[in-house]
């Protein structure tokens, strides 16, 4: 059974940084892609970034340069480092995992962690 538990969200001022964590169980990083999505208030969820099973990372264009996704195989944990946060980055951030190791992961979802960026 796959479980994804996010943490690290909170209130931060514009220009600040946060590191989101996702503790996983039932996920094998050697086989499964893992990633992050964001849902802004009143909007649909949108892709942020993911790591393929081989370790390659991919980002949405809007995330390039301000987001860094990484994973710690020994801790079964995925991270999303966010810098230069802006009020429009406010939203719920979801950790995801996929049955495959390649594409944007959408098969499994965590409950989300809320990020609020104040101006």
C-alpha atoms as a PDB file:
ATOM      1  CA  UNK A   1       0.000   0.000   0.000  1.00  0.00           C
ATOM      2  CA  UNK A   2       1.363   3.354  -1.035  1.00  0.00           C
ATOM      3  CA  UNK A   3       1.305   6.178   1.476  1.00  0.00           C
ATOM      4  CA  UNK A   4       2.541   9.708   0.924  1.00  0.00           C
ATOM      5  CA  UNK A   5       2.671  12.163   3.820  1.00  0.00           C
ATOM      6  CA  UNK A   6       3.630  15.760   3.156  1.00  0.00           C
ATOM      7  CA  UNK A   7       4.985  18.223   5.676  1.00  0.00           C
ATOM      8  CA  UNK A   8       6.792  21.524   5.773  1.00  0.00           C
ATOM      9  CA  UNK A   9       4.098  23.892   4.604  1.00  0.00           C
ATOM     10  CA  UNK A  10       3.235  27.072   6.426  1.00  0.00           C
ATOM     11  CA  UNK A  11       3.139  30.832   6.263  1.00  0.00           C
ATOM     12  CA  UNK A  12       6.094  32.604   4.724  1.00  0.00           C
ATOM     13  CA  UNK A  13       6.763  36.117   3.528  1.00  0.00           C
ATOM     14  CA  UNK A  14       7.319  36.888  -0.112  1.00  0.00           C
ATOM     15  CA  UNK A  15      10.916  36.291  -1.045  1.00  0.00           C
ATOM     16  CA  UNK A  16      11.292  33.590   1.531  1.00  0.00           C
ATOM     17  CA  UNK A  17      11.978  29.894   1.174  1.00  0.00           C
ATOM     18  CA  UNK A  18      10.457  26.608   2.262  1.00  0.00           C
ATOM     19  CA  UNK A  19      11.373  22.982   2.001  1.00  0.00           C
ATOM     20  CA  UNK A  20       8.501  20.559   1.664  1.00  0.00           C
ATOM     21  CA  UNK A  21       9.006  16.930   2.582  1.00  0.00           C
ATOM     22  CA  UNK A  22       7.120  13.830   1.564  1.00  0.00           C
ATOM     23  CA  UNK A  23       7.592  10.676   3.576  1.00  0.00           C
ATOM     24  CA  UNK A  24       6.735   7.692   1.458  1.00  0.00           C
ATOM     25  CA  UNK A  25       5.961   4.064   2.078  1.00  0.00           C
ATOM     26  CA  UNK A  26       5.218   1.409  -0.471  1.00  0.00           C
ATOM     27  CA  UNK A  27       7.204   3.370  -3.074  1.00  0.00           C
ATOM     28  CA  UNK A  28      10.402   2.125  -4.649  1.00  0.00           C
ATOM     29  CA  UNK A  29      12.370   5.059  -6.026  1.00  0.00           C
ATOM     30  CA  UNK A  30      14.212   2.660  -8.312  1.00  0.00           C
ATOM     31  CA  UNK A  31      10.923   1.865 -10.034  1.00  0.00           C
ATOM     32  CA  UNK A  32       8.494   4.697  -9.365  1.00  0.00           C
ATOM     33  CA  UNK A  33       8.559   8.319 -10.364  1.00  0.00           C
ATOM     34  CA  UNK A  34       7.686  10.770  -7.600  1.00  0.00           C
ATOM     35  CA  UNK A  35       6.790  14.408  -7.788  1.00  0.00           C
ATOM     36  CA  UNK A  36       4.871  17.461  -6.665  1.00  0.00           C
ATOM     37  CA  UNK A  37       1.732  19.244  -7.778  1.00  0.00           C
ATOM     38  CA  UNK A  38       0.197  22.486  -6.604  1.00  0.00           C
ATOM     39  CA  UNK A  39      -3.366  23.667  -6.340  1.00  0.00           C
ATOM     40  CA  UNK A  40      -3.931  27.366  -5.935  1.00  0.00           C
ATOM     41  CA  UNK A  41      -7.202  28.545  -4.357  1.00  0.00           C
ATOM     42  CA  UNK A  42     -10.029  28.179  -6.837  1.00  0.00           C
ATOM     43  CA  UNK A  43      -7.834  26.636  -9.500  1.00  0.00           C
ATOM     44  CA  UNK A  44      -7.027  23.194 -10.801  1.00  0.00           C
ATOM     45  CA  UNK A  45      -4.055  21.235  -9.654  1.00  0.00           C
ATOM     46  CA  UNK A  46      -0.970  21.841 -11.716  1.00  0.00           C
ATOM     47  CA  UNK A  47       2.252  19.995 -12.151  1.00  0.00           C
ATOM     48  CA  UNK A  48       5.378  21.347 -10.473  1.00  0.00           C
ATOM     49  CA  UNK A  49       8.180  18.795 -10.797  1.00  0.00           C
ATOM     50  CA  UNK A  50       9.066  15.137 -10.669  1.00  0.00           C
ATOM     51  CA  UNK A  51      11.977  12.754 -10.406  1.00  0.00           C
ATOM     52  CA  UNK A  52      12.148   9.759 -12.672  1.00  0.00           C
ATOM     53  CA  UNK A  53      13.189   6.396 -11.333  1.00  0.00           C
ATOM     54  CA  UNK A  54      16.597   6.888 -12.892  1.00  0.00           C
ATOM     55  CA  UNK A  55      17.073  10.133 -11.022  1.00  0.00           C
ATOM     56  CA  UNK A  56      16.466  12.638 -13.799  1.00  0.00           C
ATOM     57  CA  UNK A  57      14.426  15.636 -12.756  1.00  0.00           C
ATOM     58  CA  UNK A  58      11.803  17.525 -14.690  1.00  0.00           C
ATOM     59  CA  UNK A  59      10.111  20.835 -13.946  1.00  0.00           C
ATOM     60  CA  UNK A  60       7.206  22.889 -15.119  1.00  0.00           C
ATOM     61  CA  UNK A  61       8.429  25.981 -16.926  1.00  0.00           C
ATOM     62  CA  UNK A  62       7.080  28.137 -14.116  1.00  0.00           C
ATOM     63  CA  UNK A  63       9.118  26.163 -11.580  1.00  0.00           C
ATOM     64  CA  UNK A  64      12.483  26.213 -13.298  1.00  0.00           C
ATOM     65  CA  UNK A  65      15.034  28.183 -11.356  1.00  0.00           C
ATOM     66  CA  UNK A  66      12.893  28.531  -8.223  1.00  0.00           C
ATOM     67  CA  UNK A  67      12.207  24.918  -7.338  1.00  0.00           C
ATOM     68  CA  UNK A  68      14.481  21.989  -6.678  1.00  0.00           C
ATOM     69  CA  UNK A  69      13.142  18.477  -6.300  1.00  0.00           C
ATOM     70  CA  UNK A  70      15.256  15.808  -4.677  1.00  0.00           C
ATOM     71  CA  UNK A  71      14.906  12.486  -2.941  1.00  0.00           C
ATOM     72  CA  UNK A  72      16.698  10.664  -0.167  1.00  0.00           C
ATOM     73  CA  UNK A  73      16.643   6.972  -0.925  1.00  0.00           C
ATOM     74  CA  UNK A  74      17.736   6.015   2.586  1.00  0.00           C
ATOM     75  CA  UNK A  75      14.830   7.934   4.129  1.00  0.00           C
ATOM     76  CA  UNK A  76      12.244   7.172   1.436  1.00  0.00           C
ATOM     77  CA  UNK A  77      11.584  10.888   1.350  1.00  0.00           C
ATOM     78  CA  UNK A  78      11.049  13.360  -1.452  1.00  0.00           C
ATOM     79  CA  UNK A  79      11.749  17.061  -1.056  1.00  0.00           C
ATOM     80  CA  UNK A  80      10.722  20.213  -2.829  1.00  0.00           C
ATOM     81  CA  UNK A  81      12.899  23.201  -2.101  1.00  0.00           C
ATOM     82  CA  UNK A  82      11.164  26.445  -2.929  1.00  0.00           C
ATOM     83  CA  UNK A  83      12.947  29.765  -3.076  1.00  0.00           C
ATOM     84  CA  UNK A  84      11.958  33.326  -3.859  1.00  0.00           C
ATOM     85  CA  UNK A  85       8.378  32.569  -2.981  1.00  0.00           C
ATOM     86  CA  UNK A  86       5.662  34.846  -4.302  1.00  0.00           C
ATOM     87  CA  UNK A  87       2.062  35.351  -3.177  1.00  0.00           C
ATOM     88  CA  UNK A  88       0.910  33.519  -6.311  1.00  0.00           C
ATOM     89  CA  UNK A  89       2.749  30.431  -5.056  1.00  0.00           C
ATOM     90  CA  UNK A  90       0.125  30.110  -2.340  1.00  0.00           C
ATOM     91  CA  UNK A  91      -1.751  26.833  -2.446  1.00  0.00           C
ATOM     92  CA  UNK A  92      -1.853  23.232  -1.416  1.00  0.00           C
ATOM     93  CA  UNK A  93       1.139  21.184  -2.446  1.00  0.00           C
ATOM     94  CA  UNK A  94       0.696  17.499  -3.115  1.00  0.00           C
ATOM     95  CA  UNK A  95       3.257  14.748  -3.254  1.00  0.00           C
ATOM     96  CA  UNK A  96       2.598  12.145  -5.907  1.00  0.00           C
ATOM     97  CA  UNK A  97       3.940   8.799  -7.025  1.00  0.00           C
ATOM     98  CA  UNK A  98       3.497   6.762 -10.156  1.00  0.00           C
ATOM     99  CA  UNK A  99       3.349   3.089 -10.968  1.00  0.00           C
ATOM    100  CA  UNK A 100       5.875   3.774 -13.703  1.00  0.00           C
ATOM    101  CA  UNK A 101       9.257   5.356 -13.458  1.00  0.00           C
ATOM    102  CA  UNK A 102       9.032   7.822 -16.275  1.00  0.00           C
ATOM    103  CA  UNK A 103       6.115  10.173 -16.678  1.00  0.00           C
ATOM    104  CA  UNK A 104       4.549  12.777 -14.456  1.00  0.00           C
ATOM    105  CA  UNK A 105       3.359  10.848 -11.427  1.00  0.00           C
ATOM    106  CA  UNK A 106      -0.391  10.819 -10.888  1.00  0.00           C
ATOM    107  CA  UNK A 107      -1.316   7.353  -9.611  1.00  0.00           C
ATOM    108  CA  UNK A 108      -0.965   8.101  -5.910  1.00  0.00           C
ATOM    109  CA  UNK A 109      -1.522  11.322  -4.017  1.00  0.00           C
ATOM    110  CA  UNK A 110      -0.812  12.575  -0.548  1.00  0.00           C
ATOM    111  CA  UNK A 111      -3.205  14.714   1.455  1.00  0.00           C
ATOM    112  CA  UNK A 112      -1.316  17.893   0.725  1.00  0.00           C
ATOM    113  CA  UNK A 113       0.416  20.568   2.737  1.00  0.00           C
ATOM    114  CA  UNK A 114      -0.656  24.183   2.663  1.00  0.00           C
ATOM    115  CA  UNK A 115       1.690  26.988   1.724  1.00  0.00           C
ATOM    116  CA  UNK A 116       0.698  30.602   2.208  1.00  0.00           C
ATOM    117  CA  UNK A 117       2.926  33.376   0.945  1.00  0.00           C
ATOM    118  CA  UNK A 118       2.178  36.831   2.294  1.00  0.00           C
ATOM    119  CA  UNK A 119       3.064  40.006   0.447  1.00  0.00           C
END
